[in-house]
Amino acid sequence: MAYVPGVALLAALAVGCSAGSDGSATDADSKPGGPTVTTAPPGKYRTLPAPCRAVPSATLKDLLPGVAELPRQQQEKALRGSPTITYDTDRKVGCSWKADAPDSTRNLSIDFERVVSYDPLVSDDDRARALYVKKENAAELPGSTTSGTAPEKGTPTSAGGGEKGQEKETGKAGDGTGSADPSPSASAGTSSGTPGAPGGEDLRPRVVGGLGDAAFLDDLLTRAGSTAQHRTVSVVFRTSNVIVTVRYGEQPALVTKVPDSKELQDKAQALARKLAEVISE
C-alpha cells in the first residue's frame, strides 16, 4: 500500500504534462497574425473526352470529302481516326484523320490538354491561362495585345518556329505572302482575306470571341519548292483548365491552286464550338 501514492502522483504528473502540451499547441495555433496557407482550388475538369469519338461521323464526312468516295470498310477505318500516342491519357489526348480526294487532300487533328498545377498557391485555371497566353503569343496575331505571362526563354515566338522546313514559303492569310505563283488563279484564293476587300471579311489570324474562356485562330499557308501549297487553320481555345487545339488543313492537287481560307476557317471554328460543348457535357 506504500507504493500507491507514488503511482497516483506519477499518473497526475503525466496528465498534467499532456494537458500542458495540448494547451500550448492550441495557444500557438490561435495566435492572431499567424501565417495562413490557402490552397488554390482544383480545375473544373478532372477527365478528358475520348478524342476519336468526339467528332460525329457526319461532321467528319463534311470535313473530309474524300471519305465518302471510299468503299464501306475503308470509310469506316478512315472515320475511326488515329489516336495520338501519349503517356498520360488523363492529361493529354488527341486524334487525327486524313482523306484523299481527286482535287485535294484534307487532314484534321484535335488535341485536348488538361492542365494541372503542382503549385498549391497556383490554381489549375491560372496555370492553364498562362499556357494559353504563351500559345497565343507564339502565334503572333496581327495587332494582338494579349496580356499575361511572357513566353519562357527558348520558347518559339512564331506559330511555325519549330518547323524550319516551312520557312522558305510561308504566309499568313491576308498578308499577301505565301503564294509563289502570281497568276490570277493563285491570288484568287487569298483575296477574300485581305482587310478592306470589297464585300469580303478580314480572315487574318485573330482572337475569336464566344468560344470558351479565350480563343484564337491562326492561318498558315506553306509551300516548299514546286509542290502544291498547303494551308493549315488552327483554332485554339481554353475552357477552365482544358486547352483544345483544332488543326484543319488542305493541299490541292493542282500546284497553282491556293486553298480557300474562308472555308477552312469556318469549318474549323464550327468544329471547335462543337468540341466545347462535348467538354461541358
Protein backbone atom coordinates (compact mmCIF):
# COMPACT_ATOMS: atom_id res chain seq x y z
CA MET A 1 0.00 0.00 0.00
CA ALA A 2 3.04 2.29 0.48
CA TYR A 3 3.54 2.46 -3.27
CA VAL A 4 0.03 3.57 -4.23
CA PRO A 5 0.52 7.30 -3.54
CA GLY A 6 3.66 7.28 -5.72
CA VAL A 7 1.82 5.69 -8.63
CA ALA A 8 -1.02 8.19 -8.28
CA LEU A 9 1.49 11.05 -8.24
CA LEU A 10 3.15 9.84 -11.44
CA ALA A 11 -0.23 9.50 -13.17
CA ALA A 12 -1.20 13.01 -12.14
CA LEU A 13 2.09 14.41 -13.47
CA ALA A 14 1.59 12.62 -16.80
CA VAL A 15 -1.92 14.03 -17.17
CA GLY A 16 -0.67 17.49 -16.32
CA CYS A 17 2.13 17.36 -18.92
CA SER A 18 -0.26 16.13 -21.59
CA ALA A 19 -2.75 18.88 -20.85
CA GLY A 20 0.02 21.45 -20.87
CA SER A 21 1.26 20.30 -24.27
CA ASP A 22 -2.22 20.43 -25.80
CA GLY A 23 -2.88 23.80 -24.35
CA SER A 24 0.36 25.31 -25.65
CA ALA A 25 -0.26 23.93 -29.19
CA THR A 26 -3.76 25.38 -29.17
CA ASP A 27 -2.45 28.70 -27.97
CA ALA A 28 0.19 28.78 -30.75
CA ASP A 29 -2.38 27.99 -33.42
CA SER A 30 -4.80 30.57 -32.17
CA LYS A 31 -2.33 33.46 -32.05
CA PRO A 32 -3.59 36.38 -34.16
CA GLY A 33 -1.48 37.30 -37.16
CA GLY A 34 -0.08 33.81 -37.72
CA PRO A 35 0.63 32.62 -41.28
CA THR A 36 -2.37 31.10 -43.09
CA VAL A 37 -1.79 28.89 -46.15
CA THR A 38 -4.71 28.73 -48.60
CA THR A 39 -4.57 26.02 -51.23
CA ALA A 40 -5.68 27.07 -54.72
CA PRO A 41 -8.87 25.37 -55.94
CA PRO A 42 -8.58 22.48 -58.43
CA GLY A 43 -9.69 22.83 -62.04
CA LYS A 44 -13.24 22.23 -63.17
CA TYR A 45 -12.37 19.25 -65.35
CA ARG A 46 -10.87 16.04 -63.96
CA THR A 47 -11.18 13.91 -67.12
CA LEU A 48 -10.93 14.31 -70.90
CA PRO A 49 -13.28 13.06 -73.65
CA ALA A 50 -12.34 10.20 -75.95
CA PRO A 51 -10.86 12.22 -78.85
CA CYS A 52 -11.52 9.79 -81.70
CA ARG A 53 -15.20 9.65 -80.72
CA ALA A 54 -15.57 13.37 -80.05
CA VAL A 55 -16.34 14.27 -83.68
CA PRO A 56 -19.59 12.89 -85.17
CA SER A 57 -19.30 10.83 -88.37
CA ALA A 58 -21.47 13.30 -90.29
CA THR A 59 -19.11 16.13 -89.35
CA LEU A 60 -16.07 14.11 -90.35
CA LYS A 61 -17.58 13.35 -93.76
CA ASP A 62 -18.15 17.05 -94.30
CA LEU A 63 -14.60 17.95 -93.25
CA LEU A 64 -13.02 15.10 -95.23
CA PRO A 65 -14.83 14.93 -98.59
CA GLY A 66 -12.64 12.10 -99.87
CA VAL A 67 -14.01 9.70 -97.24
CA ALA A 68 -17.41 9.47 -98.94
CA GLU A 69 -15.78 8.04 -102.07
CA LEU A 70 -14.16 5.13 -100.24
CA PRO A 71 -15.57 1.58 -100.02
CA ARG A 72 -17.50 0.95 -96.83
CA GLN A 73 -14.75 -0.85 -94.92
CA GLN A 74 -12.11 1.73 -95.83
CA GLN A 75 -14.55 4.50 -94.99
CA GLU A 76 -15.17 3.09 -91.52
CA LYS A 77 -11.42 2.79 -90.95
CA ALA A 78 -10.81 6.39 -92.08
CA LEU A 79 -13.57 7.70 -89.79
CA ARG A 80 -12.13 5.89 -86.77
CA GLY A 81 -9.08 8.13 -86.86
CA SER A 82 -5.63 7.56 -85.40
CA PRO A 83 -5.22 8.26 -81.68
CA THR A 84 -2.26 10.37 -80.64
CA ILE A 85 0.33 8.45 -78.65
CA THR A 86 0.52 9.93 -75.14
CA TYR A 87 1.92 8.67 -71.86
CA ASP A 88 -0.80 10.11 -69.65
CA THR A 89 -4.30 9.98 -71.10
CA ASP A 90 -5.66 11.80 -68.04
CA ARG A 91 -3.62 14.84 -69.03
CA LYS A 92 -3.41 14.86 -72.83
CA VAL A 93 -5.19 13.04 -75.66
CA GLY A 94 -5.65 13.57 -79.38
CA CYS A 95 -6.79 12.07 -82.67
CA SER A 96 -6.12 12.70 -86.37
CA TRP A 97 -7.80 11.93 -89.67
CA LYS A 98 -6.76 12.16 -93.32
CA ALA A 99 -8.60 11.70 -96.60
CA ASP A 100 -7.51 11.95 -100.23
CA ALA A 101 -9.89 13.19 -102.92
CA PRO A 102 -9.23 13.73 -106.64
CA ASP A 103 -8.90 17.50 -106.20
CA SER A 104 -7.20 17.73 -102.79
CA THR A 105 -6.02 16.08 -99.59
CA ARG A 106 -7.59 17.10 -96.28
CA ASN A 107 -6.28 16.43 -92.80
CA LEU A 108 -7.74 17.06 -89.38
CA SER A 109 -6.39 16.73 -85.86
CA ILE A 110 -7.74 17.60 -82.43
CA ASP A 111 -5.90 17.73 -79.10
CA PHE A 112 -7.20 18.03 -75.55
CA GLU A 113 -4.85 19.04 -72.74
CA ARG A 114 -5.96 19.08 -69.12
CA VAL A 115 -3.69 21.40 -67.20
CA VAL A 116 -2.78 20.58 -63.61
CA SER A 117 -0.84 22.95 -61.38
CA TYR A 118 1.53 21.31 -58.93
CA ASP A 119 1.95 24.59 -57.05
CA PRO A 120 -0.58 24.73 -54.19
CA LEU A 121 -0.68 28.53 -54.50
CA VAL A 122 -1.50 28.49 -58.24
CA SER A 123 -4.85 27.13 -59.41
CA ASP A 124 -5.23 24.80 -62.38
CA ASP A 125 -7.19 27.54 -64.19
CA ASP A 126 -4.42 30.09 -63.68
CA ARG A 127 -1.82 27.65 -64.93
CA ALA A 128 -3.96 26.85 -67.98
CA ARG A 129 -4.44 30.58 -68.61
CA ALA A 130 -0.67 31.12 -68.61
CA LEU A 131 -0.10 28.25 -71.05
CA TYR A 132 -2.83 29.55 -73.34
CA VAL A 133 -1.29 33.04 -73.35
CA LYS A 134 2.04 31.52 -74.42
CA LYS A 135 0.34 29.79 -77.33
CA GLU A 136 -1.41 32.97 -78.41
CA ASN A 137 1.81 34.98 -78.15
CA ALA A 138 3.61 32.35 -80.23
CA ALA A 139 1.02 32.72 -83.00
CA GLU A 140 1.99 36.40 -83.39
CA LEU A 141 -1.52 37.54 -84.20
CA PRO A 142 -1.68 40.87 -86.08
CA GLY A 143 -2.34 43.66 -83.61
CA SER A 144 -2.56 41.26 -80.67
CA THR A 145 -2.42 42.92 -77.25
CA THR A 146 -2.64 39.79 -75.15
CA SER A 147 -1.71 40.41 -71.54
CA GLY A 148 -0.25 37.65 -69.45
CA THR A 149 2.96 35.85 -68.79
CA ALA A 150 5.64 36.27 -71.40
CA PRO A 151 6.97 33.22 -73.25
CA GLU A 152 9.76 31.44 -71.41
CA LYS A 153 13.28 31.61 -72.72
CA GLY A 154 13.85 29.21 -75.57
CA THR A 155 10.16 29.11 -76.48
CA PRO A 156 9.47 29.66 -80.22
CA THR A 157 7.92 33.06 -80.83
CA SER A 158 6.14 32.19 -84.07
CA ALA A 159 3.49 29.65 -84.96
CA GLY A 160 5.91 27.75 -87.18
CA GLY A 161 9.00 28.39 -85.08
CA GLY A 162 9.87 24.73 -84.81
CA GLU A 163 9.31 23.85 -88.44
CA LYS A 164 12.23 25.34 -90.28
CA GLY A 165 11.41 23.39 -93.41
CA GLN A 166 8.38 25.60 -93.92
CA GLU A 167 10.17 28.94 -93.61
CA LYS A 168 11.03 29.20 -97.30
CA GLU A 169 7.48 29.86 -98.43
CA THR A 170 5.24 30.77 -95.54
CA GLY A 171 2.49 33.33 -95.19
CA LYS A 172 -0.45 34.24 -93.02
CA ALA A 173 -3.90 34.59 -94.52
CA GLY A 174 -4.49 38.08 -95.86
CA ASP A 175 -0.89 39.28 -95.57
CA GLY A 176 -0.17 38.92 -99.27
CA THR A 177 2.56 36.33 -98.79
CA GLY A 178 2.81 32.59 -99.09
CA SER A 179 1.95 32.31 -102.77
CA ALA A 180 4.85 31.90 -105.14
CA ASP A 181 2.54 31.97 -108.15
CA PRO A 182 1.34 35.45 -109.17
CA SER A 183 -1.25 34.05 -111.54
CA PRO A 184 -4.94 35.07 -111.10
CA SER A 185 -5.87 31.55 -110.03
CA ALA A 186 -3.36 31.67 -107.20
CA SER A 187 -4.23 35.12 -105.94
CA ALA A 188 -7.98 34.49 -106.02
CA GLY A 189 -7.73 32.12 -103.09
CA THR A 190 -6.34 34.75 -100.75
CA SER A 191 -8.03 37.96 -101.86
CA SER A 192 -11.04 37.37 -99.60
CA GLY A 193 -8.74 37.54 -96.58
CA THR A 194 -7.37 40.98 -97.42
CA PRO A 195 -8.56 43.64 -94.96
CA GLY A 196 -10.90 46.11 -96.64
CA ALA A 197 -11.58 43.90 -99.67
CA PRO A 198 -14.93 44.81 -101.30
CA GLY A 199 -17.63 42.58 -99.83
CA GLY A 200 -15.02 40.48 -98.03
CA GLU A 201 -14.12 39.93 -94.41
CA ASP A 202 -10.87 40.02 -92.51
CA LEU A 203 -9.57 36.45 -92.47
CA ARG A 204 -6.24 37.20 -90.88
CA PRO A 205 -5.18 35.29 -87.74
CA ARG A 206 -7.12 36.79 -84.84
CA VAL A 207 -8.74 36.42 -81.44
CA VAL A 208 -12.07 34.58 -81.61
CA GLY A 209 -14.95 35.64 -79.38
CA GLY A 210 -17.68 33.50 -77.86
CA LEU A 211 -15.59 30.34 -77.71
CA GLY A 212 -14.62 29.02 -74.29
CA ASP A 213 -12.91 31.42 -71.88
CA ALA A 214 -10.45 32.57 -74.58
CA ALA A 215 -9.71 31.55 -78.15
CA PHE A 216 -7.70 32.49 -81.22
CA LEU A 217 -7.41 31.40 -84.85
CA ASP A 218 -4.21 31.04 -86.88
CA ASP A 219 -3.99 30.56 -90.65
CA LEU A 220 -0.73 29.42 -92.20
CA LEU A 221 -0.03 28.92 -95.90
CA THR A 222 3.13 26.97 -96.72
CA ARG A 223 4.91 25.95 -99.87
CA ALA A 224 8.25 24.27 -100.42
CA GLY A 225 9.83 24.13 -103.86
CA SER A 226 7.42 23.25 -106.67
CA THR A 227 4.92 21.30 -104.57
CA ALA A 228 1.32 22.35 -104.10
CA GLN A 229 0.53 24.86 -101.41
CA HIS A 230 -0.78 23.65 -98.08
CA ARG A 231 -2.97 25.72 -95.78
CA THR A 232 -3.46 24.86 -92.12
CA VAL A 233 -6.05 26.63 -89.97
CA SER A 234 -5.63 26.21 -86.22
CA VAL A 235 -8.22 27.12 -83.61
CA VAL A 236 -7.02 27.07 -80.01
CA PHE A 237 -9.33 27.70 -77.08
CA ARG A 238 -9.32 27.36 -73.31
CA THR A 239 -12.21 26.43 -71.10
CA SER A 240 -11.31 26.39 -67.41
CA ASN A 241 -8.27 24.10 -67.08
CA VAL A 242 -8.54 22.42 -70.50
CA ILE A 243 -6.89 23.70 -73.69
CA VAL A 244 -8.19 22.39 -77.02
CA THR A 245 -6.43 22.66 -80.38
CA VAL A 246 -8.11 22.01 -83.74
CA ARG A 247 -5.95 21.84 -86.87
CA TYR A 248 -7.64 21.59 -90.25
CA GLY A 249 -5.63 21.58 -93.45
CA GLU A 250 -5.91 21.19 -97.20
CA GLN A 251 -3.44 20.62 -100.01
CA PRO A 252 -4.90 20.90 -103.53
CA ALA A 253 -3.80 18.51 -106.25
CA LEU A 254 -3.02 21.42 -108.57
CA VAL A 255 0.18 23.34 -107.88
CA THR A 256 -1.43 26.62 -108.96
CA LYS A 257 -4.42 26.37 -106.64
CA VAL A 258 -4.45 28.04 -103.24
CA PRO A 259 -6.65 26.51 -100.50
CA ASP A 260 -9.58 28.73 -99.56
CA SER A 261 -9.12 30.43 -96.18
CA LYS A 262 -12.77 31.14 -95.52
CA GLU A 263 -13.97 27.57 -95.98
CA LEU A 264 -11.24 26.11 -93.78
CA GLN A 265 -11.68 28.77 -91.10
CA ASP A 266 -15.46 28.44 -90.98
CA LYS A 267 -15.33 24.66 -90.66
CA ALA A 268 -12.51 24.68 -88.09
CA GLN A 269 -14.38 27.18 -85.91
CA ALA A 270 -17.63 25.23 -86.18
CA LEU A 271 -15.84 22.07 -85.04
CA ALA A 272 -14.16 23.90 -82.16
CA ARG A 273 -17.55 25.08 -80.90
CA LYS A 274 -18.88 21.52 -81.03
CA LEU A 275 -15.88 20.30 -79.03
CA ALA A 276 -16.51 23.00 -76.43
CA GLU A 277 -19.97 21.52 -75.97
CA VAL A 278 -18.55 18.00 -75.74
CA ILE A 279 -16.24 19.04 -72.90
CA SER A 280 -19.08 20.67 -70.98
CA GLU A 281 -21.34 17.61 -71.17
